[in-house]
C-alpha cells in the first residue's frame, strides 16, 4: 500500500506530530518507517534539504512560546562564532520566564525574560532577534569573541565592494537592546563588548586583528576602506587600513588554500604596490599569545611610512 504523501509544509524540514495533526495527517502515517524520529513528537523526512530555522521548525511547533535562542539562533543569523562553539550542536530553546525550561534529547533549555521585539519570525519559526541573540551570547562567549559576534551583526559593505553586504543590525539597535535589559545576565560584558564593535569586519579573525593592534598601542585601523585607482574605480579593499600612511592589513584565512587564491593574492599585492600602499599580510599565528606578532609587524610598517608614536 502506497504511503500518504506529506504536504509541502511537512515534507521539507522537521515537523511535529501536532503540526501533522493540524494538517490532517493520521498518526499512523507519522509512525511510518520512512520518517526519522529525532525526539519525541518530532519527525524529519529523509533527504530533507531544509536549512537554518526551517530545519528546526518542529521544536517551535510543540507550544506557542518556545523560541530558538543562544548559539542556535546565532548560527541561523550566521553570526561569526569561535571555532570551539562548533562543538556545541545542541539545539538551544527558551521559554519566557514563568514557563518550564525545555527538556529534550540534544536540547539546551533556557528561561528568558523576553520583551516585545526580542523574538521575530523567520521562515515561520520563532527566533530571538539578532539584537537579543547578541545579548544572550554575552552569557557564553568571552569578551573578544562577543565583539566578533557583534561585528558580524553590523558588518555591511556598499556597492563599491566586490560583494555588497547589508547589515543584520546596527550599533544603535544593539545599544537599545542592552538599555531595555539592564538586569540581564552578563549585561556588563555585553556593554563592554559593544564599546569595541565596529562596522566593516567580515570574520572573527579580522576582529581579533583589530583588537590586537589597538591593545598593542597602535592607532585603530579603518574598516570598510576602499582604495580607488587613477581611473576612478575601486581597486583594493583591505581588511583594515591606515589611509593616512598607505598601510593595508590583510588576513590570510583558510580560504587562502583554495585553488586560484594564490594568484589572486599575487595580483592584490601587485595592485597594492602599484597604488603606492604597503600590505601587511597576517596569519593565524600572528594573532596568538599575550604579545601577538602582528603588533610588531604593523608597527614597523607604520614607522616606515612616517607614523610617529604619541
C-alpha atoms as a PDB file:
ATOM      1  CA  UNK A   1       0.000   0.000   0.000  1.00  0.00           C
ATOM      2  CA  UNK A   2       1.369   3.383  -1.011  1.00  0.00           C
ATOM      3  CA  UNK A   3       2.105   5.759   1.859  1.00  0.00           C
ATOM      4  CA  UNK A   4       0.188   9.022   2.122  1.00  0.00           C
ATOM      5  CA  UNK A   5       2.247  11.837   0.620  1.00  0.00           C
ATOM      6  CA  UNK A   6       3.128  14.591   3.063  1.00  0.00           C
ATOM      7  CA  UNK A   7       2.126  18.175   2.249  1.00  0.00           C
ATOM      8  CA  UNK A   8       4.995  20.554   1.309  1.00  0.00           C
ATOM      9  CA  UNK A   9       4.838  22.265   4.721  1.00  0.00           C
ATOM     10  CA  UNK A  10       5.834  18.963   6.357  1.00  0.00           C
ATOM     11  CA  UNK A  11       7.919  17.349   3.638  1.00  0.00           C
ATOM     12  CA  UNK A  12      10.662  19.976   3.757  1.00  0.00           C
ATOM     13  CA  UNK A  13      12.213  20.334   7.200  1.00  0.00           C
ATOM     14  CA  UNK A  14      11.315  18.952  10.591  1.00  0.00           C
ATOM     15  CA  UNK A  15       7.728  18.871  11.807  1.00  0.00           C
ATOM     16  CA  UNK A  16       5.906  17.996  14.997  1.00  0.00           C
ATOM     17  CA  UNK A  17       3.223  15.362  15.345  1.00  0.00           C
ATOM     18  CA  UNK A  18       0.910  18.175  16.458  1.00  0.00           C
ATOM     19  CA  UNK A  19       1.556  20.001  13.173  1.00  0.00           C
ATOM     20  CA  UNK A  20       0.780  16.776  11.325  1.00  0.00           C
ATOM     21  CA  UNK A  21      -2.487  16.509  13.266  1.00  0.00           C
ATOM     22  CA  UNK A  22      -3.393  20.047  12.222  1.00  0.00           C
ATOM     23  CA  UNK A  23      -2.643  19.163   8.608  1.00  0.00           C
ATOM     24  CA  UNK A  24      -4.969  16.168   8.766  1.00  0.00           C
ATOM     25  CA  UNK A  25      -2.202  13.548   8.663  1.00  0.00           C
ATOM     26  CA  UNK A  26      -3.136  10.340  10.559  1.00  0.00           C
ATOM     27  CA  UNK A  27      -0.932   9.415  13.493  1.00  0.00           C
ATOM     28  CA  UNK A  28      -0.216   6.087  11.815  1.00  0.00           C
ATOM     29  CA  UNK A  29       1.488   7.976   8.976  1.00  0.00           C
ATOM     30  CA  UNK A  30       3.771   9.826  11.427  1.00  0.00           C
ATOM     31  CA  UNK A  31       4.967   6.437  12.743  1.00  0.00           C
ATOM     32  CA  UNK A  32       5.926   5.141   9.290  1.00  0.00           C
ATOM     33  CA  UNK A  33       9.487   3.931   8.794  1.00  0.00           C
ATOM     34  CA  UNK A  34      10.251   6.498   6.096  1.00  0.00           C
ATOM     35  CA  UNK A  35      10.287   9.252   8.753  1.00  0.00           C
ATOM     36  CA  UNK A  36      13.130   9.824  11.206  1.00  0.00           C
ATOM     37  CA  UNK A  37      12.234  10.377  14.861  1.00  0.00           C
ATOM     38  CA  UNK A  38      14.797  12.827  16.252  1.00  0.00           C
ATOM     39  CA  UNK A  39      12.931  13.484  19.503  1.00  0.00           C
ATOM     40  CA  UNK A  40       9.564  12.610  20.966  1.00  0.00           C
ATOM     41  CA  UNK A  41       6.847  14.047  18.773  1.00  0.00           C
ATOM     42  CA  UNK A  42       9.310  15.339  16.157  1.00  0.00           C
ATOM     43  CA  UNK A  43       9.834  13.855  12.699  1.00  0.00           C
ATOM     44  CA  UNK A  44      12.185  14.591   9.801  1.00  0.00           C
ATOM     45  CA  UNK A  45      11.640  13.275   6.255  1.00  0.00           C
ATOM     46  CA  UNK A  46      14.828  11.620   4.902  1.00  0.00           C
ATOM     47  CA  UNK A  47      16.616  13.724   2.336  1.00  0.00           C
ATOM     48  CA  UNK A  48      15.091  16.987   3.536  1.00  0.00           C
ATOM     49  CA  UNK A  49      17.045  19.937   2.105  1.00  0.00           C
ATOM     50  CA  UNK A  50      15.824  22.419   4.713  1.00  0.00           C
ATOM     51  CA  UNK A  51      18.462  24.550   6.407  1.00  0.00           C
ATOM     52  CA  UNK A  52      18.599  27.119   9.187  1.00  0.00           C
ATOM     53  CA  UNK A  53      15.371  27.867  11.007  1.00  0.00           C
ATOM     54  CA  UNK A  54      13.257  25.665   8.713  1.00  0.00           C
ATOM     55  CA  UNK A  55      15.278  22.588   9.665  1.00  0.00           C
ATOM     56  CA  UNK A  56      14.389  23.166  13.328  1.00  0.00           C
ATOM     57  CA  UNK A  57      10.795  24.289  12.830  1.00  0.00           C
ATOM     58  CA  UNK A  58       9.314  21.360  14.749  1.00  0.00           C
ATOM     59  CA  UNK A  59      10.913  22.402  18.031  1.00  0.00           C
ATOM     60  CA  UNK A  60       8.840  25.594  17.988  1.00  0.00           C
ATOM     61  CA  UNK A  61       5.638  23.800  16.972  1.00  0.00           C
ATOM     62  CA  UNK A  62       5.317  21.966  20.283  1.00  0.00           C
ATOM     63  CA  UNK A  63       3.795  25.018  22.007  1.00  0.00           C
ATOM     64  CA  UNK A  64       3.095  28.697  21.392  1.00  0.00           C
ATOM     65  CA  UNK A  65       6.054  30.185  23.231  1.00  0.00           C
ATOM     66  CA  UNK A  66       9.225  28.152  22.620  1.00  0.00           C
ATOM     67  CA  UNK A  67      11.881  30.069  20.693  1.00  0.00           C
ATOM     68  CA  UNK A  68      15.269  29.217  19.177  1.00  0.00           C
ATOM     69  CA  UNK A  69      17.994  31.126  21.017  1.00  0.00           C
ATOM     70  CA  UNK A  70      21.665  31.457  22.024  1.00  0.00           C
ATOM     71  CA  UNK A  71      24.146  29.572  19.787  1.00  0.00           C
ATOM     72  CA  UNK A  72      21.353  28.070  17.691  1.00  0.00           C
ATOM     73  CA  UNK A  73      19.923  31.493  16.884  1.00  0.00           C
ATOM     74  CA  UNK A  74      23.452  32.763  16.254  1.00  0.00           C
ATOM     75  CA  UNK A  75      24.038  30.075  13.613  1.00  0.00           C
ATOM     76  CA  UNK A  76      20.708  30.845  11.987  1.00  0.00           C
ATOM     77  CA  UNK A  77      21.691  34.537  11.744  1.00  0.00           C
ATOM     78  CA  UNK A  78      25.186  33.481  10.537  1.00  0.00           C
ATOM     79  CA  UNK A  79      26.892  35.233  13.419  1.00  0.00           C
ATOM     80  CA  UNK A  80      30.673  34.947  13.494  1.00  0.00           C
ATOM     81  CA  UNK A  81      31.423  32.415  16.249  1.00  0.00           C
ATOM     82  CA  UNK A  82      34.684  30.957  17.628  1.00  0.00           C
ATOM     83  CA  UNK A  83      35.711  27.520  16.376  1.00  0.00           C
ATOM     84  CA  UNK A  84      35.094  25.893  19.759  1.00  0.00           C
ATOM     85  CA  UNK A  85      31.412  26.813  19.501  1.00  0.00           C
ATOM     86  CA  UNK A  86      31.113  24.398  16.560  1.00  0.00           C
ATOM     87  CA  UNK A  87      31.448  21.545  19.055  1.00  0.00           C
ATOM     88  CA  UNK A  88      28.144  22.530  20.685  1.00  0.00           C
ATOM     89  CA  UNK A  89      25.494  21.334  18.255  1.00  0.00           C
ATOM     90  CA  UNK A  90      22.741  21.159  20.837  1.00  0.00           C
ATOM     91  CA  UNK A  91      19.529  22.925  19.933  1.00  0.00           C
ATOM     92  CA  UNK A  92      19.130  25.917  22.229  1.00  0.00           C
ATOM     93  CA  UNK A  93      15.491  26.539  23.112  1.00  0.00           C
ATOM     94  CA  UNK A  94      13.951  29.039  25.508  1.00  0.00           C
ATOM     95  CA  UNK A  95      10.592  29.758  27.069  1.00  0.00           C
ATOM     96  CA  UNK A  96       9.584  33.013  28.751  1.00  0.00           C
ATOM     97  CA  UNK A  97      10.038  33.453  32.484  1.00  0.00           C
ATOM     98  CA  UNK A  98       7.272  31.679  34.345  1.00  0.00           C
ATOM     99  CA  UNK A  99       7.297  28.749  31.950  1.00  0.00           C
ATOM    100  CA  UNK A 100       9.144  25.471  32.237  1.00  0.00           C
ATOM    101  CA  UNK A 101      12.628  25.008  30.814  1.00  0.00           C
ATOM    102  CA  UNK A 102      12.580  22.913  27.604  1.00  0.00           C
ATOM    103  CA  UNK A 103      13.944  19.421  28.243  1.00  0.00           C
ATOM    104  CA  UNK A 104      14.619  17.089  25.349  1.00  0.00           C
ATOM    105  CA  UNK A 105      17.368  14.988  23.868  1.00  0.00           C
ATOM    106  CA  UNK A 106      20.084  17.139  22.293  1.00  0.00           C
ATOM    107  CA  UNK A 107      18.414  20.302  23.621  1.00  0.00           C
ATOM    108  CA  UNK A 108      19.873  23.008  25.855  1.00  0.00           C
ATOM    109  CA  UNK A 109      16.939  24.619  27.648  1.00  0.00           C
ATOM    110  CA  UNK A 110      16.730  28.221  28.821  1.00  0.00           C
ATOM    111  CA  UNK A 111      14.262  30.505  30.536  1.00  0.00           C
ATOM    112  CA  UNK A 112      14.455  34.124  29.339  1.00  0.00           C
ATOM    113  CA  UNK A 113      12.865  37.451  30.211  1.00  0.00           C
ATOM    114  CA  UNK A 114      11.549  38.282  26.752  1.00  0.00           C
ATOM    115  CA  UNK A 115      10.241  41.720  25.837  1.00  0.00           C
ATOM    116  CA  UNK A 116       8.293  42.757  22.733  1.00  0.00           C
ATOM    117  CA  UNK A 117      10.682  42.750  19.804  1.00  0.00           C
ATOM    118  CA  UNK A 118      13.038  40.176  21.324  1.00  0.00           C
ATOM    119  CA  UNK A 119      11.522  37.417  19.169  1.00  0.00           C
ATOM    120  CA  UNK A 120      10.978  37.528  15.411  1.00  0.00           C
ATOM    121  CA  UNK A 121       9.550  35.107  12.859  1.00  0.00           C
ATOM    122  CA  UNK A 122      12.000  33.672  10.332  1.00  0.00           C
ATOM    123  CA  UNK A 123      10.769  31.128   7.790  1.00  0.00           C
ATOM    124  CA  UNK A 124       7.732  30.676  10.010  1.00  0.00           C
ATOM    125  CA  UNK A 125       9.882  29.908  13.067  1.00  0.00           C
ATOM    126  CA  UNK A 126      10.270  31.873  16.311  1.00  0.00           C
ATOM    127  CA  UNK A 127      13.891  33.013  16.739  1.00  0.00           C
ATOM    128  CA  UNK A 128      15.439  35.556  19.065  1.00  0.00           C
ATOM    129  CA  UNK A 129      16.210  38.733  17.114  1.00  0.00           C
ATOM    130  CA  UNK A 130      19.804  39.477  16.130  1.00  0.00           C
ATOM    131  CA  UNK A 131      19.994  42.049  18.916  1.00  0.00           C
ATOM    132  CA  UNK A 132      18.573  39.733  21.572  1.00  0.00           C
ATOM    133  CA  UNK A 133      20.866  36.947  20.355  1.00  0.00           C
ATOM    134  CA  UNK A 134      23.869  39.233  20.908  1.00  0.00           C
ATOM    135  CA  UNK A 135      22.693  39.904  24.466  1.00  0.00           C
ATOM    136  CA  UNK A 136      22.254  36.186  25.194  1.00  0.00           C
ATOM    137  CA  UNK A 137      25.668  35.338  23.739  1.00  0.00           C
ATOM    138  CA  UNK A 138      27.215  37.507  26.466  1.00  0.00           C
ATOM    139  CA  UNK A 139      26.461  34.635  28.856  1.00  0.00           C
ATOM    140  CA  UNK A 140      28.533  32.106  26.878  1.00  0.00           C
ATOM    141  CA  UNK A 141      31.218  33.978  24.900  1.00  0.00           C
ATOM    142  CA  UNK A 142      34.413  35.603  26.192  1.00  0.00           C
ATOM    143  CA  UNK A 143      34.743  39.345  25.562  1.00  0.00           C
ATOM    144  CA  UNK A 144      36.715  39.251  22.302  1.00  0.00           C
ATOM    145  CA  UNK A 145      34.502  36.551  20.792  1.00  0.00           C
ATOM    146  CA  UNK A 146      31.453  38.600  21.749  1.00  0.00           C
ATOM    147  CA  UNK A 147      32.950  41.628  19.995  1.00  0.00           C
ATOM    148  CA  UNK A 148      33.445  39.469  16.890  1.00  0.00           C
ATOM    149  CA  UNK A 149      29.811  38.352  17.097  1.00  0.00           C
ATOM    150  CA  UNK A 150      28.708  41.977  17.302  1.00  0.00           C
ATOM    151  CA  UNK A 151      30.958  42.921  14.374  1.00  0.00           C
ATOM    152  CA  UNK A 152      29.340  40.247  12.214  1.00  0.00           C
ATOM    153  CA  UNK A 153      25.867  41.576  13.006  1.00  0.00           C
ATOM    154  CA  UNK A 154      26.617  45.158  11.979  1.00  0.00           C
ATOM    155  CA  UNK A 155      29.012  44.408   9.091  1.00  0.00           C
ATOM    156  CA  UNK A 156      27.994  45.989   5.804  1.00  0.00           C
ATOM    157  CA  UNK A 157      29.637  46.917   2.504  1.00  0.00           C
ATOM    158  CA  UNK A 158      28.442  49.357  -0.124  1.00  0.00           C
ATOM    159  CA  UNK A 159      28.046  48.865  -3.879  1.00  0.00           C
ATOM    160  CA  UNK A 160      31.706  49.784  -4.461  1.00  0.00           C
ATOM    161  CA  UNK A 161      32.733  46.441  -2.894  1.00  0.00           C
ATOM    162  CA  UNK A 162      33.008  43.194  -4.899  1.00  0.00           C
ATOM    163  CA  UNK A 163      30.394  41.632  -2.590  1.00  0.00           C
ATOM    164  CA  UNK A 164      27.987  44.254  -1.214  1.00  0.00           C
ATOM    165  CA  UNK A 165      26.503  43.296   2.127  1.00  0.00           C
ATOM    166  CA  UNK A 166      23.573  44.533   4.194  1.00  0.00           C
ATOM    167  CA  UNK A 167      23.869  44.605   7.978  1.00  0.00           C
ATOM    168  CA  UNK A 168      21.606  42.422  10.116  1.00  0.00           C
ATOM    169  CA  UNK A 169      21.574  45.043  12.842  1.00  0.00           C
ATOM    170  CA  UNK A 170      23.150  48.351  13.836  1.00  0.00           C
ATOM    171  CA  UNK A 171      25.110  49.789  16.737  1.00  0.00           C
ATOM    172  CA  UNK A 172      22.050  51.803  17.691  1.00  0.00           C
ATOM    173  CA  UNK A 173      19.769  48.751  17.708  1.00  0.00           C
ATOM    174  CA  UNK A 174      22.222  46.730  19.801  1.00  0.00           C
ATOM    175  CA  UNK A 175      22.517  49.605  22.261  1.00  0.00           C
ATOM    176  CA  UNK A 176      18.719  49.846  22.565  1.00  0.00           C
ATOM    177  CA  UNK A 177      18.534  46.127  23.347  1.00  0.00           C
ATOM    178  CA  UNK A 178      21.039  46.434  26.194  1.00  0.00           C
ATOM    179  CA  UNK A 179      19.216  49.501  27.524  1.00  0.00           C
ATOM    180  CA  UNK A 180      15.944  47.534  27.630  1.00  0.00           C
ATOM    181  CA  UNK A 181      17.502  44.707  29.682  1.00  0.00           C
ATOM    182  CA  UNK A 182      19.558  46.408  32.431  1.00  0.00           C
ATOM    183  CA  UNK A 183      19.418  43.328  34.674  1.00  0.00           C
ATOM    184  CA  UNK A 184      20.246  40.705  32.056  1.00  0.00           C
ATOM    185  CA  UNK A 185      22.862  38.064  32.749  1.00  0.00           C
ATOM    186  CA  UNK A 186      26.357  39.333  31.882  1.00  0.00           C
ATOM    187  CA  UNK A 187      24.985  42.739  30.855  1.00  0.00           C
ATOM    188  CA  UNK A 188      28.297  44.298  31.912  1.00  0.00           C
ATOM    189  CA  UNK A 189      30.208  42.132  29.423  1.00  0.00           C
ATOM    190  CA  UNK A 190      27.692  42.924  26.702  1.00  0.00           C
ATOM    191  CA  UNK A 191      28.116  46.669  27.275  1.00  0.00           C
ATOM    192  CA  UNK A 192      31.895  46.392  27.294  1.00  0.00           C
ATOM    193  CA  UNK A 193      31.878  44.364  24.079  1.00  0.00           C
ATOM    194  CA  UNK A 194      29.531  46.786  22.337  1.00  0.00           C
ATOM    195  CA  UNK A 195      32.035  49.554  23.009  1.00  0.00           C
ATOM    196  CA  UNK A 196      34.519  47.709  20.771  1.00  0.00           C
ATOM    197  CA  UNK A 197      32.085  46.713  17.997  1.00  0.00           C
ATOM    198  CA  UNK A 198      32.785  48.359  14.629  1.00  0.00           C
ATOM    199  CA  UNK A 199      31.194  48.223  11.192  1.00  0.00           C
ATOM    200  CA  UNK A 200      33.223  46.509   8.484  1.00  0.00           C
ATOM    201  CA  UNK A 201      34.810  43.319   9.866  1.00  0.00           C
ATOM    202  CA  UNK A 202      33.795  40.234   7.882  1.00  0.00           C
ATOM    203  CA  UNK A 203      35.147  37.498  10.139  1.00  0.00           C
ATOM    204  CA  UNK A 204      36.236  36.854  13.752  1.00  0.00           C
ATOM    205  CA  UNK A 205      39.955  36.846  12.803  1.00  0.00           C
ATOM    206  CA  UNK A 206      39.569  40.333  11.339  1.00  0.00           C
ATOM    207  CA  UNK A 207      38.047  41.441  14.633  1.00  0.00           C
ATOM    208  CA  UNK A 208      40.872  39.850  16.626  1.00  0.00           C
ATOM    209  CA  UNK A 209      43.375  41.553  14.301  1.00  0.00           C
ATOM    210  CA  UNK A 210      41.881  44.965  15.033  1.00  0.00           C
ATOM    211  CA  UNK A 211      41.701  44.360  18.773  1.00  0.00           C
ATOM    212  CA  UNK A 212      45.313  43.141  18.872  1.00  0.00           C
ATOM    213  CA  UNK A 213      46.809  46.216  17.203  1.00  0.00           C
ATOM    214  CA  UNK A 214      44.735  48.631  19.292  1.00  0.00           C
ATOM    215  CA  UNK A 215      45.670  46.909  22.537  1.00  0.00           C
ATOM    216  CA  UNK A 216      49.267  46.934  21.352  1.00  0.00           C
ATOM    217  CA  UNK A 217      49.229  50.729  21.458  1.00  0.00           C
ATOM    218  CA  UNK A 218      48.745  51.347  17.743  1.00  0.00           C
ATOM    219  CA  UNK A 219      46.118  53.574  16.141  1.00  0.00           C
ATOM    220  CA  UNK A 220      42.800  51.928  15.382  1.00  0.00           C
ATOM    221  CA  UNK A 221      42.690  50.931  11.716  1.00  0.00           C
ATOM    222  CA  UNK A 222      39.860  51.983   9.454  1.00  0.00           C
ATOM    223  CA  UNK A 223      37.406  49.361   8.227  1.00  0.00           C
ATOM    224  CA  UNK A 224      35.382  49.399   5.029  1.00  0.00           C
ATOM    225  CA  UNK A 225      38.080  51.494   3.356  1.00  0.00           C
ATOM    226  CA  UNK A 226      38.212  51.473  -0.441  1.00  0.00           C
ATOM    227  CA  UNK A 227      41.370  52.328  -2.369  1.00  0.00           C
ATOM    228  CA  UNK A 228      40.450  53.964  -5.668  1.00  0.00           C
ATOM    229  CA  UNK A 229      42.712  53.737  -8.704  1.00  0.00           C
ATOM    230  CA  UNK A 230      43.777  56.535 -11.085  1.00  0.00           C
ATOM    231  CA  UNK A 231      40.847  55.742 -13.376  1.00  0.00           C
ATOM    232  CA  UNK A 232      38.384  56.490 -10.589  1.00  0.00           C
ATOM    233  CA  UNK A 233      37.373  52.879  -9.968  1.00  0.00           C
ATOM    234  CA  UNK A 234      37.841  50.864  -6.757  1.00  0.00           C
ATOM    235  CA  UNK A 235      40.851  48.545  -6.954  1.00  0.00           C
ATOM    236  CA  UNK A 236      41.672  47.492  -3.398  1.00  0.00           C
ATOM    237  CA  UNK A 237      39.568  46.528  -0.401  1.00  0.00           C
ATOM    238  CA  UNK A 238      41.856  45.885   2.606  1.00  0.00           C
ATOM    239  CA  UNK A 239      40.504  44.104   5.679  1.00  0.00           C
ATOM    240  CA  UNK A 240      41.768  47.088   7.689  1.00  0.00           C
ATOM    241  CA  UNK A 241      43.675  50.171   6.655  1.00  0.00           C
ATOM    242  CA  UNK A 242      45.641  53.236   7.702  1.00  0.00           C
ATOM    243  CA  UNK A 243      44.814  55.552   4.765  1.00  0.00           C
ATOM    244  CA  UNK A 244      46.954  58.422   6.057  1.00  0.00           C
ATOM    245  CA  UNK A 245      50.034  56.183   5.810  1.00  0.00           C
ATOM    246  CA  UNK A 246      49.032  53.912   2.934  1.00  0.00           C
ATOM    247  CA  UNK A 247      49.220  50.746   5.015  1.00  0.00           C
ATOM    248  CA  UNK A 248      46.745  47.902   4.425  1.00  0.00           C
ATOM    249  CA  UNK A 249      46.195  44.884   6.667  1.00  0.00           C
ATOM    250  CA  UNK A 250      45.097  41.636   5.055  1.00  0.00           C
ATOM    251  CA  UNK A 251      44.208  38.493   6.985  1.00  0.00           C
ATOM    252  CA  UNK A 252      45.055  35.201   5.258  1.00  0.00           C
ATOM    253  CA  UNK A 253      42.334  32.766   6.333  1.00  0.00           C
ATOM    254  CA  UNK A 254      41.613  29.146   5.476  1.00  0.00           C
ATOM    255  CA  UNK A 255      40.323  30.155   2.033  1.00  0.00           C
ATOM    256  CA  UNK A 256      43.891  31.037   1.074  1.00  0.00           C
ATOM    257  CA  UNK A 257      44.478  27.359   0.409  1.00  0.00           C
ATOM    258  CA  UNK A 258      41.744  27.267  -2.214  1.00  0.00           C
ATOM    259  CA  UNK A 259      42.506  26.857  -5.903  1.00  0.00           C
ATOM    260  CA  UNK A 260      43.336  30.164  -7.557  1.00  0.00           C
ATOM    261  CA  UNK A 261      43.667  32.077  -4.289  1.00  0.00           C
ATOM    262  CA  UNK A 262      47.469  32.215  -4.564  1.00  0.00           C
ATOM    263  CA  UNK A 263      47.209  34.012  -7.904  1.00  0.00           C
ATOM    264  CA  UNK A 264      44.607  36.408  -6.505  1.00  0.00           C
ATOM    265  CA  UNK A 265      46.932  37.180  -3.582  1.00  0.00           C
ATOM    266  CA  UNK A 266      49.763  37.939  -6.010  1.00  0.00           C
ATOM    267  CA  UNK A 267      47.504  40.206  -8.057  1.00  0.00           C
ATOM    268  CA  UNK A 268      46.371  42.043  -4.906  1.00  0.00           C
ATOM    269  CA  UNK A 269      49.970  42.511  -3.747  1.00  0.00           C
ATOM    270  CA  UNK A 270      50.958  43.944  -7.139  1.00  0.00           C
ATOM    271  CA  UNK A 271      47.952  46.261  -7.103  1.00  0.00           C
ATOM    272  CA  UNK A 272      48.854  47.400  -3.589  1.00  0.00           C
ATOM    273  CA  UNK A 273      52.391  48.239  -4.710  1.00  0.00           C
ATOM    274  CA  UNK A 274      51.218  49.994  -7.885  1.00  0.00           C
ATOM    275  CA  UNK A 275      48.856  52.219  -5.897  1.00  0.00           C
ATOM    276  CA  UNK A 276      51.665  53.183  -3.533  1.00  0.00           C
ATOM    277  CA  UNK A 277      50.464  51.234  -0.499  1.00  0.00           C
ATOM    278  CA  UNK A 278      52.218  48.749   1.763  1.00  0.00           C
ATOM    279  CA  UNK A 279      50.488  45.467   2.602  1.00  0.00           C
ATOM    280  CA  UNK A 280      50.865  43.606   5.898  1.00  0.00           C
ATOM    281  CA  UNK A 281      49.655  40.036   5.458  1.00  0.00           C
ATOM    282  CA  UNK A 282      48.540  38.493   8.718  1.00  0.00           C
ATOM    283  CA  UNK A 283      48.191  34.797   9.535  1.00  0.00           C
ATOM    284  CA  UNK A 284      46.513  32.948  12.371  1.00  0.00           C
ATOM    285  CA  UNK A 285      49.835  32.541  14.183  1.00  0.00           C
ATOM    286  CA  UNK A 286      50.364  36.319  14.146  1.00  0.00           C
ATOM    287  CA  UNK A 287      47.327  36.745  16.419  1.00  0.00           C
ATOM    288  CA  UNK A 288      48.265  34.272  19.169  1.00  0.00           C
ATOM    289  CA  UNK A 289      49.908  34.826  22.542  1.00  0.00           C
ATOM    290  CA  UNK A 290      49.940  37.636  25.066  1.00  0.00           C
ATOM    291  CA  UNK A 291      52.048  39.759  22.720  1.00  0.00           C
ATOM    292  CA  UNK A 292      50.787  38.931  19.209  1.00  0.00           C
ATOM    293  CA  UNK A 293      53.413  39.195  16.492  1.00  0.00           C
ATOM    294  CA  UNK A 294      51.023  41.255  14.390  1.00  0.00           C
ATOM    295  CA  UNK A 295      51.585  44.282  16.621  1.00  0.00           C
ATOM    296  CA  UNK A 296      55.290  44.467  15.813  1.00  0.00           C
ATOM    297  CA  UNK A 297      54.701  43.877  12.112  1.00  0.00           C
ATOM    298  CA  UNK A 298      52.107  46.621  11.831  1.00  0.00           C
ATOM    299  CA  UNK A 299      54.209  48.985  13.960  1.00  0.00           C
ATOM    300  CA  UNK A 300      57.186  48.553  11.634  1.00  0.00           C
ATOM    301  CA  UNK A 301      55.020  49.161   8.576  1.00  0.00           C
ATOM    302  CA  UNK A 302      53.577  52.358  10.066  1.00  0.00           C
ATOM    303  CA  UNK A 303      57.007  53.640  11.117  1.00  0.00           C
ATOM    304  CA  UNK A 304      58.326  53.008   7.599  1.00  0.00           C
ATOM    305  CA  UNK A 305      55.570  55.249   6.256  1.00  0.00           C
ATOM    306  CA  UNK A 306      56.188  58.192   8.554  1.00  0.00           C
ATOM    307  CA  UNK A 307      53.973  57.395  11.559  1.00  0.00           C
ATOM    308  CA  UNK A 308      55.205  58.888  14.832  1.00  0.00           C
ATOM    309  CA  UNK A 309      54.133  57.241  18.114  1.00  0.00           C
ATOM    310  CA  UNK A 310      52.463  59.586  20.568  1.00  0.00           C
END
